[in-house]
Structure formats: C-alpha cells, structure tokens
Amino acid sequence: MERTRINKNRKKAVISFIIFIICLTKYVLVNLYEVIPRYGSTSRDITWFIILPAVIIGLILSISVISENFKSNRKNLINILLVLPMLFFIFYFFVIKLF
C-alpha cells in the first residue's frame, strides 16, 4: 500500500514538472524571444486554452504531492524537488509580478 502511494506521488510530481517545463517554454518563446507575437491572438489562445488549464492542474498536483508527502511516514525529497519549480513559477507570475 505504501509503495503504490509513493509511485502515484512520483507520477504526480513528474507530471507537475513537465507542466512547469511547458509553461517555461511558452514564456521564453513568447516573452523573451518573441517567436510568437506577445499580444497576438495566437499567444492569447495558447495562454487561455493550454497554459492556464495546465497551471491549474500543476497547482493541484503540486499541493497533492506535498500534502501526501507530509502525511506519510516515509518522506521523499525528490518529489518535493520536482514540484517546487511549479510552485515558484505560480508564486512569481500570479503573486509577485501582479504587484
């Protein structure tokens, strides 16, 4: 039972990290290199229909992994390290950058 919970948490953490990589790639391509025009309809559609749902899913998975990790007796540091970039990304873009 404990082993399957760890495997599920690892899968959630890896998915959260992949979502972070996707969000970071979009940020770099649109805002830094301007491969896609920043204020164009393509960028807006990518943000609203791909990135925003991905960020919400990543946030839910990250919180789930952290809460499950603190509930279990066996702490797994690699899961926490995989979800921290997503949480920092969300904190930076939705809290710090807005103020």
Protein backbone atom coordinates (compact mmCIF):
# COMPACT_ATOMS: atom_id res chain seq x y z
CA MET A 1 0.00 0.00 0.00
CA GLU A 2 2.74 2.43 0.95
CA ARG A 3 4.73 1.59 -2.19
CA THR A 4 1.82 2.34 -4.55
CA ARG A 5 1.24 5.69 -2.83
CA ILE A 6 4.88 6.61 -3.40
CA ASN A 7 4.62 5.62 -7.07
CA LYS A 8 1.46 7.70 -7.51
CA ASN A 9 3.14 10.67 -5.87
CA ARG A 10 6.17 10.27 -8.12
CA LYS A 11 3.92 10.25 -11.20
CA LYS A 12 2.10 13.36 -9.98
CA ALA A 13 5.41 15.09 -9.29
CA VAL A 14 6.79 14.25 -12.73
CA ILE A 15 3.60 15.49 -14.42
CA SER A 16 3.83 18.71 -12.43
CA PHE A 17 7.46 19.15 -13.52
CA ILE A 18 6.54 18.54 -17.17
CA ILE A 19 3.81 21.18 -16.90
CA PHE A 20 6.40 23.57 -15.46
CA ILE A 21 8.68 22.92 -18.46
CA ILE A 22 5.79 23.59 -20.87
CA CYS A 23 4.89 26.86 -19.12
CA LEU A 24 8.50 27.98 -19.02
CA THR A 25 8.93 27.15 -22.71
CA LYS A 26 5.90 29.25 -23.59
CA TYR A 27 7.20 32.14 -21.51
CA VAL A 28 10.64 32.02 -23.12
CA LEU A 29 9.35 31.68 -26.68
CA VAL A 30 6.70 34.39 -26.40
CA ASN A 31 8.11 36.94 -23.96
CA LEU A 32 11.87 36.68 -24.39
CA TYR A 33 12.49 35.55 -27.98
CA GLU A 34 9.16 36.77 -29.42
CA VAL A 35 8.81 33.82 -31.78
CA ILE A 36 5.06 34.33 -31.43
CA PRO A 37 3.91 37.97 -31.12
CA ARG A 38 3.25 38.70 -27.45
CA TYR A 39 -0.08 40.46 -27.93
CA GLY A 40 -1.31 38.43 -30.90
CA SER A 41 -4.33 36.18 -30.97
CA THR A 42 -2.15 33.06 -31.17
CA SER A 43 -0.38 33.89 -27.92
CA ARG A 44 -3.67 34.70 -26.23
CA ASP A 45 -5.24 31.42 -27.38
CA ILE A 46 -2.22 29.40 -26.23
CA THR A 47 -2.32 31.12 -22.85
CA TRP A 48 -6.05 30.75 -22.22
CA PHE A 49 -6.63 27.27 -23.62
CA ILE A 50 -3.35 25.45 -22.93
CA ILE A 51 -1.23 27.22 -20.32
CA LEU A 52 -3.93 28.32 -17.83
CA PRO A 53 -5.53 24.85 -17.52
CA ALA A 54 -2.05 23.32 -17.30
CA VAL A 55 -1.10 25.73 -14.50
CA ILE A 56 -4.28 24.88 -12.58
CA ILE A 57 -3.64 21.15 -12.99
CA GLY A 58 0.01 21.62 -11.97
CA LEU A 59 -1.00 23.56 -8.87
CA ILE A 60 -3.48 20.88 -7.81
CA LEU A 61 -0.93 18.11 -8.39
CA SER A 62 1.81 20.00 -6.54
CA ILE A 63 -0.36 20.63 -3.50
CA SER A 64 -1.47 16.99 -3.56
CA VAL A 65 2.10 15.71 -3.66
CA ILE A 66 3.23 17.98 -0.84
CA SER A 67 0.27 17.10 1.38
CA GLU A 68 0.68 13.36 0.75
CA ASN A 69 4.40 13.64 1.45
CA PHE A 70 3.86 15.25 4.83
CA LYS A 71 1.15 12.74 5.75
CA SER A 72 3.30 9.68 5.06
CA ASN A 73 5.91 8.36 7.43
CA ARG A 74 8.46 7.97 4.66
CA LYS A 75 9.48 11.37 3.33
CA ASN A 76 10.56 11.51 -0.28
CA LEU A 77 12.66 14.57 -1.06
CA ILE A 78 12.80 14.04 -4.83
CA ASN A 79 9.03 14.51 -5.11
CA ILE A 80 9.26 17.83 -3.29
CA LEU A 81 12.13 18.93 -5.52
CA LEU A 82 10.09 18.08 -8.62
CA VAL A 83 7.06 20.15 -7.57
CA LEU A 84 8.88 23.19 -6.17
CA PRO A 85 9.63 24.78 -9.58
CA MET A 86 5.93 24.74 -10.44
CA LEU A 87 5.01 26.34 -7.13
CA PHE A 88 7.72 29.00 -7.54
CA PHE A 89 6.52 29.66 -11.10
CA ILE A 90 2.93 30.13 -9.93
CA PHE A 91 4.01 32.29 -6.99
CA TYR A 92 6.17 34.51 -9.20
CA PHE A 93 3.71 35.05 -12.05
CA PHE A 94 0.47 35.20 -10.06
CA VAL A 95 1.63 36.97 -6.90
CA ILE A 96 4.88 38.88 -7.30
CA LYS A 97 4.51 40.04 -10.90
CA LEU A 98 0.98 41.33 -10.36
CA PHE A 99 2.05 43.73 -7.60
